[in-house]
Amino acid sequence: MIEVVPTIEPFPWLKKQLLIRNGLPTVAATLLFSDLPQAALPKQSGIKIYRYKTKAEEGTRETLVFNPISIEGCIYKQIYDAVERTKEIIENEKVLRETGLENLTYPNKALHEIVTNAVLHRDYSIASDIHIRIFDNRVEILSPGSLPGHVTEANILNEQFARNGNLVRLVNKFPNPPNKDVGEGLNTAFNETTDLRLKKPTIKELENAVLATISHEPLASPEKIVMEYLESHDEIHNSKGRELTGVKTSDNMKTIFYRMQEKGLILMNPDPTKKGRNSTWIKKK
């Protein structure tokens, strides 16, 4: 008599999540749960970090400070390791400001959100790693693939489209998930740089990649920003001043305007229609 041994379906949870097909793990399963996805997906699932000692548009072999650092492992580990390693490199640097040598201001949330976005939304069909390039005045994160779906440079802060929906959904179930899965990541990055009075990040779509840039350089002083605006505009009002300078409250912006008035730089618009709540300021002749 032949004994029939019942079979047990391996990895039932993965199959239920559509992460097993034809008995094999999908790319998403490999990226999420393999200790070393790079063994199965070489040159298309890692992160490279470079440090260039230059402010030039492109880094060269001559300006490369050390050999590129490879960040491997599952995507959850990659995100945290890449951010931590980049942070260490940046915080060991000093820059020359008008007041002398200063430590670089490190926008922690901005870097975390942009790296997370690059890992979760890159095109994994392209045989290229994510590249984090650290320059003297900026950090560049180059993510393979175009912007997903209907997302453009112009609407990226307002629109949502997940190229890799399973990655976004499932990595959010990990302890201390790198993403909040509410579509606010890049807005958080932009808001933090504003709070630190740094220039806002830029997102640029290249031919086959997306380039995000975080500047180390601080914004000019609110006074300088106001004066530069008045070089090409007749007047400035409180809300426009806050928009340009990153100053949070109407009262703080008003204090800056009055301080500039005391210095003889600007004066309140004498036009009677501009008085009161809608008062504007003009450059002193």
C-alpha atoms as a PDB file:
ATOM      1  CA  MET A   1       0.000   0.000   0.000  1.00  0.00           C
ATOM      2  CA  ILE A   2       1.376   3.372  -0.990  1.00  0.00           C
ATOM      3  CA  GLU A   3       1.295   5.918   1.787  1.00  0.00           C
ATOM      4  CA  VAL A   4       0.088   9.328   0.670  1.00  0.00           C
ATOM      5  CA  VAL A   5       1.912  12.138   2.453  1.00  0.00           C
ATOM      6  CA  PRO A   6      -0.072  15.389   2.527  1.00  0.00           C
ATOM      7  CA  THR A   7       1.793  18.333   1.072  1.00  0.00           C
ATOM      8  CA  ILE A   8       2.079  21.616   2.925  1.00  0.00           C
ATOM      9  CA  GLU A   9       2.027  24.778   0.893  1.00  0.00           C
ATOM     10  CA  PRO A  10       5.248  26.679   1.733  1.00  0.00           C
ATOM     11  CA  PHE A  11       5.075  30.369   2.555  1.00  0.00           C
ATOM     12  CA  PRO A  12       1.265  30.672   2.554  1.00  0.00           C
ATOM     13  CA  TRP A  13       1.354  34.313   3.686  1.00  0.00           C
ATOM     14  CA  LEU A  14       3.657  35.306   0.829  1.00  0.00           C
ATOM     15  CA  LYS A  15       1.394  33.534  -1.650  1.00  0.00           C
ATOM     16  CA  LYS A  16      -1.653  35.268  -0.194  1.00  0.00           C
ATOM     17  CA  GLN A  17       0.096  38.603  -0.725  1.00  0.00           C
ATOM     18  CA  LEU A  18       0.789  37.606  -4.379  1.00  0.00           C
ATOM     19  CA  LEU A  19       4.514  37.527  -3.629  1.00  0.00           C
ATOM     20  CA  ILE A  20       4.893  33.918  -4.844  1.00  0.00           C
ATOM     21  CA  ARG A  21       4.136  33.114  -8.475  1.00  0.00           C
ATOM     22  CA  ASN A  22       4.665  29.734 -10.086  1.00  0.00           C
ATOM     23  CA  GLY A  23       6.459  28.682  -6.928  1.00  0.00           C
ATOM     24  CA  LEU A  24       9.011  31.487  -7.168  1.00  0.00           C
ATOM     25  CA  PRO A  25       9.340  34.767  -5.239  1.00  0.00           C
ATOM     26  CA  THR A  26       8.508  37.948  -7.085  1.00  0.00           C
ATOM     27  CA  VAL A  27      10.904  40.889  -7.302  1.00  0.00           C
ATOM     28  CA  ALA A  28       8.955  42.580  -4.490  1.00  0.00           C
ATOM     29  CA  ALA A  29       9.292  39.496  -2.261  1.00  0.00           C
ATOM     30  CA  THR A  30      13.021  39.346  -2.934  1.00  0.00           C
ATOM     31  CA  LEU A  31      13.509  43.036  -2.182  1.00  0.00           C
ATOM     32  CA  LEU A  32      11.456  42.908   1.013  1.00  0.00           C
ATOM     33  CA  PHE A  33      12.439  39.600   2.611  1.00  0.00           C
ATOM     34  CA  SER A  34      15.740  38.366   1.176  1.00  0.00           C
ATOM     35  CA  ASP A  35      18.812  38.989   3.324  1.00  0.00           C
ATOM     36  CA  LEU A  36      20.717  39.883   0.152  1.00  0.00           C
ATOM     37  CA  PRO A  37      18.450  40.744  -2.797  1.00  0.00           C
ATOM     38  CA  GLN A  38      21.520  41.922  -4.714  1.00  0.00           C
ATOM     39  CA  ALA A  39      22.553  38.284  -5.257  1.00  0.00           C
ATOM     40  CA  ALA A  40      19.372  37.713  -7.270  1.00  0.00           C
ATOM     41  CA  LEU A  41      19.078  41.251  -8.677  1.00  0.00           C
ATOM     42  CA  PRO A  42      22.656  42.431  -9.242  1.00  0.00           C
ATOM     43  CA  LYS A  43      23.226  46.050 -10.330  1.00  0.00           C
ATOM     44  CA  GLN A  44      19.568  46.945  -9.938  1.00  0.00           C
ATOM     45  CA  SER A  45      18.754  46.756  -6.250  1.00  0.00           C
ATOM     46  CA  GLY A  46      21.588  48.450  -4.362  1.00  0.00           C
ATOM     47  CA  ILE A  47      22.634  51.963  -3.359  1.00  0.00           C
ATOM     48  CA  LYS A  48      26.016  53.578  -4.052  1.00  0.00           C
ATOM     49  CA  ILE A  49      27.281  56.541  -2.051  1.00  0.00           C
ATOM     50  CA  TYR A  50      29.960  58.885  -3.413  1.00  0.00           C
ATOM     51  CA  ARG A  51      31.750  61.860  -1.836  1.00  0.00           C
ATOM     52  CA  TYR A  52      33.106  64.478  -4.233  1.00  0.00           C
ATOM     53  CA  LYS A  53      35.276  67.317  -2.936  1.00  0.00           C
ATOM     54  CA  THR A  54      33.863  69.920  -5.294  1.00  0.00           C
ATOM     55  CA  LYS A  55      30.889  72.171  -5.977  1.00  0.00           C
ATOM     56  CA  ALA A  56      31.107  71.488  -9.710  1.00  0.00           C
ATOM     57  CA  GLU A  57      28.098  70.241 -11.634  1.00  0.00           C
ATOM     58  CA  GLU A  58      29.716  66.835 -12.164  1.00  0.00           C
ATOM     59  CA  GLY A  59      32.001  64.789  -9.945  1.00  0.00           C
ATOM     60  CA  THR A  60      35.181  63.306 -11.413  1.00  0.00           C
ATOM     61  CA  ARG A  61      37.621  60.568 -10.455  1.00  0.00           C
ATOM     62  CA  GLU A  62      40.035  63.298  -9.334  1.00  0.00           C
ATOM     63  CA  THR A  63      37.497  64.851  -6.928  1.00  0.00           C
ATOM     64  CA  LEU A  64      36.271  61.511  -5.535  1.00  0.00           C
ATOM     65  CA  VAL A  65      37.335  61.419  -1.871  1.00  0.00           C
ATOM     66  CA  PHE A  66      37.070  57.630  -1.376  1.00  0.00           C
ATOM     67  CA  ASN A  67      35.874  54.581  -3.240  1.00  0.00           C
ATOM     68  CA  PRO A  68      32.070  54.423  -3.580  1.00  0.00           C
ATOM     69  CA  ILE A  69      30.304  52.806  -0.635  1.00  0.00           C
ATOM     70  CA  SER A  70      27.873  49.988  -1.465  1.00  0.00           C
ATOM     71  CA  ILE A  71      24.706  49.681   0.611  1.00  0.00           C
ATOM     72  CA  GLU A  72      23.066  46.262   0.286  1.00  0.00           C
ATOM     73  CA  GLY A  73      20.440  44.160   2.031  1.00  0.00           C
ATOM     74  CA  CYS A  74      16.642  44.213   1.987  1.00  0.00           C
ATOM     75  CA  ILE A  75      15.128  47.574   1.120  1.00  0.00           C
ATOM     76  CA  TYR A  76      14.085  48.277   4.723  1.00  0.00           C
ATOM     77  CA  LYS A  77      17.703  47.956   5.876  1.00  0.00           C
ATOM     78  CA  GLN A  78      19.038  49.780   2.826  1.00  0.00           C
ATOM     79  CA  ILE A  79      16.989  52.904   3.505  1.00  0.00           C
ATOM     80  CA  TYR A  80      18.123  53.273   7.106  1.00  0.00           C
ATOM     81  CA  ASP A  81      21.748  52.311   6.382  1.00  0.00           C
ATOM     82  CA  ALA A  82      22.026  54.688   3.414  1.00  0.00           C
ATOM     83  CA  VAL A  83      20.585  57.632   5.356  1.00  0.00           C
ATOM     84  CA  GLU A  84      22.813  56.939   8.384  1.00  0.00           C
ATOM     85  CA  ARG A  85      25.982  56.591   6.286  1.00  0.00           C
ATOM     86  CA  THR A  86      25.208  59.738   4.305  1.00  0.00           C
ATOM     87  CA  LYS A  87      24.497  61.594   7.541  1.00  0.00           C
ATOM     88  CA  GLU A  88      27.874  60.543   8.984  1.00  0.00           C
ATOM     89  CA  ILE A  89      29.725  61.766   5.904  1.00  0.00           C
ATOM     90  CA  ILE A  90      27.911  65.117   5.849  1.00  0.00           C
ATOM     91  CA  GLU A  91      28.251  65.803   9.568  1.00  0.00           C
ATOM     92  CA  ASN A  92      32.008  65.253   9.428  1.00  0.00           C
ATOM     93  CA  GLU A  93      32.312  68.168   7.008  1.00  0.00           C
ATOM     94  CA  LYS A  94      32.653  71.899   7.614  1.00  0.00           C
ATOM     95  CA  VAL A  95      31.915  74.685   5.176  1.00  0.00           C
ATOM     96  CA  LEU A  96      33.231  78.229   4.922  1.00  0.00           C
ATOM     97  CA  ARG A  97      30.526  80.810   5.564  1.00  0.00           C
ATOM     98  CA  GLU A  98      30.798  84.561   6.001  1.00  0.00           C
ATOM     99  CA  THR A  99      31.213  83.969   9.743  1.00  0.00           C
ATOM    100  CA  GLY A 100      33.952  81.338   9.295  1.00  0.00           C
ATOM    101  CA  LEU A 101      33.988  77.551   9.286  1.00  0.00           C
ATOM    102  CA  GLU A 102      30.673  76.010  10.311  1.00  0.00           C
ATOM    103  CA  ASN A 103      29.261  72.503  10.562  1.00  0.00           C
ATOM    104  CA  LEU A 104      26.923  71.597   7.741  1.00  0.00           C
ATOM    105  CA  THR A 105      23.247  71.863   8.606  1.00  0.00           C
ATOM    106  CA  TYR A 106      21.838  68.380   8.191  1.00  0.00           C
ATOM    107  CA  PRO A 107      18.215  68.078   7.001  1.00  0.00           C
ATOM    108  CA  ASN A 108      17.562  64.636   8.500  1.00  0.00           C
ATOM    109  CA  LYS A 109      13.900  64.214   7.544  1.00  0.00           C
ATOM    110  CA  ALA A 110      14.447  65.584   4.060  1.00  0.00           C
ATOM    111  CA  LEU A 111      17.220  63.112   3.277  1.00  0.00           C
ATOM    112  CA  HIS A 112      15.278  60.199   4.800  1.00  0.00           C
ATOM    113  CA  GLU A 113      12.112  60.968   2.842  1.00  0.00           C
ATOM    114  CA  ILE A 114      13.882  61.470  -0.484  1.00  0.00           C
ATOM    115  CA  VAL A 115      15.972  58.278  -0.117  1.00  0.00           C
ATOM    116  CA  THR A 116      12.829  56.350   0.904  1.00  0.00           C
ATOM    117  CA  ASN A 117      10.994  57.752  -2.119  1.00  0.00           C
ATOM    118  CA  ALA A 118      13.864  56.758  -4.420  1.00  0.00           C
ATOM    119  CA  VAL A 119      13.977  53.166  -3.103  1.00  0.00           C
ATOM    120  CA  LEU A 120      10.230  52.568  -3.147  1.00  0.00           C
ATOM    121  CA  HIS A 121       9.380  54.255  -6.444  1.00  0.00           C
ATOM    122  CA  ARG A 122      12.380  53.537  -8.670  1.00  0.00           C
ATOM    123  CA  ASP A 123      12.032  51.383 -11.787  1.00  0.00           C
ATOM    124  CA  TYR A 124      13.395  47.961 -10.829  1.00  0.00           C
ATOM    125  CA  SER A 125      13.427  46.776 -14.434  1.00  0.00           C
ATOM    126  CA  ILE A 126      16.428  49.050 -15.082  1.00  0.00           C
ATOM    127  CA  ALA A 127      19.843  47.523 -14.341  1.00  0.00           C
ATOM    128  CA  SER A 128      21.224  50.430 -12.343  1.00  0.00           C
ATOM    129  CA  ASP A 129      21.658  51.165  -8.652  1.00  0.00           C
ATOM    130  CA  ILE A 130      20.463  54.262  -6.824  1.00  0.00           C
ATOM    131  CA  HIS A 131      23.308  56.782  -6.556  1.00  0.00           C
ATOM    132  CA  ILE A 132      23.742  59.191  -3.633  1.00  0.00           C
ATOM    133  CA  ARG A 133      26.356  61.802  -4.530  1.00  0.00           C
ATOM    134  CA  ILE A 134      27.600  64.115  -1.795  1.00  0.00           C
ATOM    135  CA  PHE A 135      29.166  67.382  -2.986  1.00  0.00           C
ATOM    136  CA  ASP A 136      30.525  70.335  -0.998  1.00  0.00           C
ATOM    137  CA  ASN A 137      27.264  72.237  -1.439  1.00  0.00           C
ATOM    138  CA  ARG A 138      24.587  69.599  -2.035  1.00  0.00           C
ATOM    139  CA  VAL A 139      23.472  65.963  -1.944  1.00  0.00           C
ATOM    140  CA  GLU A 140      22.103  64.387  -5.128  1.00  0.00           C
ATOM    141  CA  ILE A 141      19.933  61.248  -5.124  1.00  0.00           C
ATOM    142  CA  LEU A 142      19.668  59.685  -8.575  1.00  0.00           C
ATOM    143  CA  SER A 143      16.856  57.131  -8.900  1.00  0.00           C
ATOM    144  CA  PRO A 144      16.549  54.918 -12.018  1.00  0.00           C
ATOM    145  CA  GLY A 145      13.432  55.379 -14.127  1.00  0.00           C
ATOM    146  CA  SER A 146      11.114  58.214 -15.044  1.00  0.00           C
ATOM    147  CA  LEU A 147       8.520  59.708 -12.704  1.00  0.00           C
ATOM    148  CA  PRO A 148       5.679  57.187 -12.290  1.00  0.00           C
ATOM    149  CA  GLY A 149       2.256  57.497 -13.881  1.00  0.00           C
ATOM    150  CA  HIS A 150       0.851  60.998 -14.189  1.00  0.00           C
ATOM    151  CA  VAL A 151       3.374  62.508 -11.736  1.00  0.00           C
ATOM    152  CA  THR A 152       5.414  65.413 -13.133  1.00  0.00           C
ATOM    153  CA  GLU A 153       8.012  67.822 -11.788  1.00  0.00           C
ATOM    154  CA  ALA A 154       5.255  70.410 -11.439  1.00  0.00           C
ATOM    155  CA  ASN A 155       2.703  68.312  -9.510  1.00  0.00           C
ATOM    156  CA  ILE A 156       4.955  65.912  -7.583  1.00  0.00           C
ATOM    157  CA  LEU A 157       4.054  67.434  -4.192  1.00  0.00           C
ATOM    158  CA  ASN A 158       0.319  67.134  -4.844  1.00  0.00           C
ATOM    159  CA  GLU A 159      -0.117  63.891  -6.789  1.00  0.00           C
ATOM    160  CA  GLN A 160       0.347  60.252  -5.749  1.00  0.00           C
ATOM    161  CA  PHE A 161       1.141  57.233  -7.898  1.00  0.00           C
ATOM    162  CA  ALA A 162       2.920  54.112  -6.650  1.00  0.00           C
ATOM    163  CA  ARG A 163       4.863  52.311  -9.353  1.00  0.00           C
ATOM    164  CA  ASN A 164       5.663  49.529  -6.871  1.00  0.00           C
ATOM    165  CA  GLY A 165       2.435  49.312  -4.903  1.00  0.00           C
ATOM    166  CA  ASN A 166       3.270  46.086  -3.052  1.00  0.00           C
ATOM    167  CA  LEU A 167       6.590  47.498  -1.845  1.00  0.00           C
ATOM    168  CA  VAL A 168       4.953  50.668  -0.558  1.00  0.00           C
ATOM    169  CA  ARG A 169       2.147  48.774   1.185  1.00  0.00           C
ATOM    170  CA  LEU A 170       4.169  45.953   2.733  1.00  0.00           C
ATOM    171  CA  VAL A 171       7.248  47.845   3.903  1.00  0.00           C
ATOM    172  CA  ASN A 172       4.801  50.031   5.823  1.00  0.00           C
ATOM    173  CA  LYS A 173       3.946  46.956   7.925  1.00  0.00           C
ATOM    174  CA  PHE A 174       7.528  46.636   9.206  1.00  0.00           C
ATOM    175  CA  PRO A 175       8.399  47.920  12.704  1.00  0.00           C
ATOM    176  CA  ASN A 176       9.225  51.638  12.542  1.00  0.00           C
ATOM    177  CA  PRO A 177       8.392  51.753   8.822  1.00  0.00           C
ATOM    178  CA  PRO A 178      10.508  54.120   6.713  1.00  0.00           C
ATOM    179  CA  ASN A 179       7.369  55.366   4.956  1.00  0.00           C
ATOM    180  CA  LYS A 180       4.080  56.502   6.459  1.00  0.00           C
ATOM    181  CA  ASP A 181       2.156  55.486   3.305  1.00  0.00           C
ATOM    182  CA  VAL A 182       0.099  58.665   3.321  1.00  0.00           C
ATOM    183  CA  GLY A 183       1.734  60.398   0.363  1.00  0.00           C
ATOM    184  CA  GLU A 184       3.276  63.207   2.425  1.00  0.00           C
ATOM    185  CA  GLY A 185       6.942  62.197   2.290  1.00  0.00           C
ATOM    186  CA  LEU A 186       8.235  64.786  -0.167  1.00  0.00           C
ATOM    187  CA  ASN A 187       6.131  67.511   1.442  1.00  0.00           C
ATOM    188  CA  THR A 188       7.853  66.671   4.739  1.00  0.00           C
ATOM    189  CA  ALA A 189      11.232  67.007   3.015  1.00  0.00           C
ATOM    190  CA  PHE A 190      10.385  70.398   1.534  1.00  0.00           C
ATOM    191  CA  ASN A 191       8.926  71.670   4.806  1.00  0.00           C
ATOM    192  CA  GLU A 192      11.996  70.680   6.822  1.00  0.00           C
ATOM    193  CA  THR A 193      14.398  72.536   4.566  1.00  0.00           C
ATOM    194  CA  THR A 194      12.152  75.599   4.882  1.00  0.00           C
ATOM    195  CA  ASP A 195      12.226  75.292   8.687  1.00  0.00           C
ATOM    196  CA  LEU A 196      16.043  75.075   8.609  1.00  0.00           C
ATOM    197  CA  ARG A 197      16.141  78.066   6.245  1.00  0.00           C
ATOM    198  CA  LEU A 198      17.857  75.997   3.574  1.00  0.00           C
ATOM    199  CA  LYS A 199      17.079  76.181  -0.111  1.00  0.00           C
ATOM    200  CA  LYS A 200      14.208  73.883  -1.053  1.00  0.00           C
ATOM    201  CA  PRO A 201      15.047  70.523  -2.669  1.00  0.00           C
ATOM    202  CA  THR A 202      14.669  70.239  -6.420  1.00  0.00           C
ATOM    203  CA  ILE A 203      13.239  67.297  -8.373  1.00  0.00           C
ATOM    204  CA  LYS A 204      14.294  66.956 -12.001  1.00  0.00           C
ATOM    205  CA  GLU A 205      13.287  64.266 -14.467  1.00  0.00           C
ATOM    206  CA  LEU A 206      16.180  63.208 -16.686  1.00  0.00           C
ATOM    207  CA  GLU A 207      16.074  60.951 -19.735  1.00  0.00           C
ATOM    208  CA  ASN A 208      15.950  57.711 -17.733  1.00  0.00           C
ATOM    209  CA  ALA A 209      16.242  58.757 -14.096  1.00  0.00           C
ATOM    210  CA  VAL A 210      14.915  61.182 -11.494  1.00  0.00           C
ATOM    211  CA  LEU A 211      17.397  63.516  -9.803  1.00  0.00           C
ATOM    212  CA  ALA A 212      16.569  64.967  -6.380  1.00  0.00           C
ATOM    213  CA  THR A 213      18.939  67.585  -4.972  1.00  0.00           C
ATOM    214  CA  ILE A 214      19.184  68.800  -1.372  1.00  0.00           C
ATOM    215  CA  SER A 215      21.296  71.931  -0.964  1.00  0.00           C
ATOM    216  CA  HIS A 216      23.590  72.516   2.018  1.00  0.00           C
ATOM    217  CA  GLU A 217      23.477  76.244   1.350  1.00  0.00           C
ATOM    218  CA  PRO A 218      21.300  78.449   3.558  1.00  0.00           C
ATOM    219  CA  LEU A 219      18.867  80.956   2.179  1.00  0.00           C
ATOM    220  CA  ALA A 220      19.914  84.575   2.201  1.00  0.00           C
ATOM    221  CA  SER A 221      18.751  86.661   5.153  1.00  0.00           C
ATOM    222  CA  PRO A 222      15.086  87.723   5.061  1.00  0.00           C
ATOM    223  CA  GLU A 223      16.217  91.338   4.599  1.00  0.00           C
ATOM    224  CA  LYS A 224      18.300  90.460   1.548  1.00  0.00           C
ATOM    225  CA  ILE A 225      15.486  88.373   0.052  1.00  0.00           C
ATOM    226  CA  VAL A 226      13.016  91.259   0.479  1.00  0.00           C
ATOM    227  CA  MET A 227      15.400  93.766  -1.110  1.00  0.00           C
ATOM    228  CA  GLU A 228      16.101  91.451  -4.052  1.00  0.00           C
ATOM    229  CA  TYR A 229      12.358  91.035  -4.586  1.00  0.00           C
ATOM    230  CA  LEU A 230      11.849  94.831  -4.567  1.00  0.00           C
ATOM    231  CA  GLU A 231      14.496  95.215  -7.274  1.00  0.00           C
ATOM    232  CA  SER A 232      11.977  93.837  -9.770  1.00  0.00           C
ATOM    233  CA  HIS A 233       8.639  94.505  -8.014  1.00  0.00           C
ATOM    234  CA  ASP A 234       6.971  97.724  -6.910  1.00  0.00           C
ATOM    235  CA  GLU A 235       5.842  96.464  -3.508  1.00  0.00           C
ATOM    236  CA  ILE A 236       5.764  93.521  -1.144  1.00  0.00           C
ATOM    237  CA  HIS A 237       3.111  92.445   1.357  1.00  0.00           C
ATOM    238  CA  ASN A 238       3.308  90.264   4.431  1.00  0.00           C
ATOM    239  CA  SER A 239       2.155  86.992   2.895  1.00  0.00           C
ATOM    240  CA  LYS A 240       4.556  87.322  -0.050  1.00  0.00           C
ATOM    241  CA  GLY A 241       7.364  88.084   2.396  1.00  0.00           C
ATOM    242  CA  ARG A 242       6.606  84.898   4.355  1.00  0.00           C
ATOM    243  CA  GLU A 243       6.433  82.847   1.181  1.00  0.00           C
ATOM    244  CA  LEU A 244       9.828  84.079  -0.002  1.00  0.00           C
ATOM    245  CA  THR A 245      11.715  83.975   3.280  1.00  0.00           C
ATOM    246  CA  GLY A 246      10.210  80.999   5.071  1.00  0.00           C
ATOM    247  CA  VAL A 247       9.253  83.163   8.056  1.00  0.00           C
ATOM    248  CA  LYS A 248       6.347  81.387   9.733  1.00  0.00           C
ATOM    249  CA  THR A 249       4.109  84.055  11.273  1.00  0.00           C
ATOM    250  CA  SER A 250       2.663  87.359  10.143  1.00  0.00           C
ATOM    251  CA  ASP A 251       3.924  89.086  13.319  1.00  0.00           C
ATOM    252  CA  ASN A 252       7.504  87.905  12.769  1.00  0.00           C
ATOM    253  CA  MET A 253       7.418  89.111   9.177  1.00  0.00           C
ATOM    254  CA  LYS A 254       6.021  92.450  10.323  1.00  0.00           C
ATOM    255  CA  THR A 255       8.926  92.774  12.779  1.00  0.00           C
ATOM    256  CA  ILE A 256      11.385  92.236   9.921  1.00  0.00           C
ATOM    257  CA  PHE A 257       9.671  94.919   7.829  1.00  0.00           C
ATOM    258  CA  TYR A 258       9.783  97.438  10.705  1.00  0.00           C
ATOM    259  CA  ARG A 259      13.453  96.620  11.356  1.00  0.00           C
ATOM    260  CA  MET A 260      14.205  97.264   7.689  1.00  0.00           C
ATOM    261  CA  GLN A 261      12.276 100.541   7.914  1.00  0.00           C
ATOM    262  CA  GLU A 262      14.448 101.628  10.850  1.00  0.00           C
ATOM    263  CA  LYS A 263      17.531 100.912   8.731  1.00  0.00           C
ATOM    264  CA  GLY A 264      16.164 103.155   5.993  1.00  0.00           C
ATOM    265  CA  LEU A 265      15.763 100.329   3.481  1.00  0.00           C
ATOM    266  CA  ILE A 266      11.992 100.297   2.978  1.00  0.00           C
ATOM    267  CA  LEU A 267       8.914 102.246   3.981  1.00  0.00           C
ATOM    268  CA  MET A 268       5.225 101.523   4.218  1.00  0.00           C
ATOM    269  CA  ASN A 269       3.420 102.248   0.990  1.00  0.00           C
ATOM    270  CA  PRO A 270       1.877 105.734   1.380  1.00  0.00           C
ATOM    271  CA  ASP A 271      -1.003 104.772  -0.923  1.00  0.00           C
ATOM    272  CA  PRO A 272      -4.067 105.090   1.389  1.00  0.00           C
ATOM    273  CA  THR A 273      -5.665 102.056  -0.255  1.00  0.00           C
ATOM    274  CA  LYS A 274      -2.764  99.936   1.023  1.00  0.00           C
ATOM    275  CA  LYS A 275      -3.159 100.789   4.714  1.00  0.00           C
ATOM    276  CA  GLY A 276      -4.319  98.497   7.508  1.00  0.00           C
ATOM    277  CA  ARG A 277      -4.493  94.744   7.058  1.00  0.00           C
ATOM    278  CA  ASN A 278      -3.498  94.972   3.392  1.00  0.00           C
ATOM    279  CA  SER A 279      -0.573  97.366   3.910  1.00  0.00           C
ATOM    280  CA  THR A 280       2.391  96.845   1.634  1.00  0.00           C
ATOM    281  CA  TRP A 281       6.006  97.987   1.722  1.00  0.00           C
ATOM    282  CA  ILE A 282       8.081  99.685  -0.957  1.00  0.00           C
ATOM    283  CA  LYS A 283      11.768 100.305  -1.456  1.00  0.00           C
ATOM    284  CA  LYS A 284      12.953 103.643  -0.095  1.00  0.00           C
ATOM    285  CA  LYS A 285      14.206 105.899  -2.875  1.00  0.00           C
END
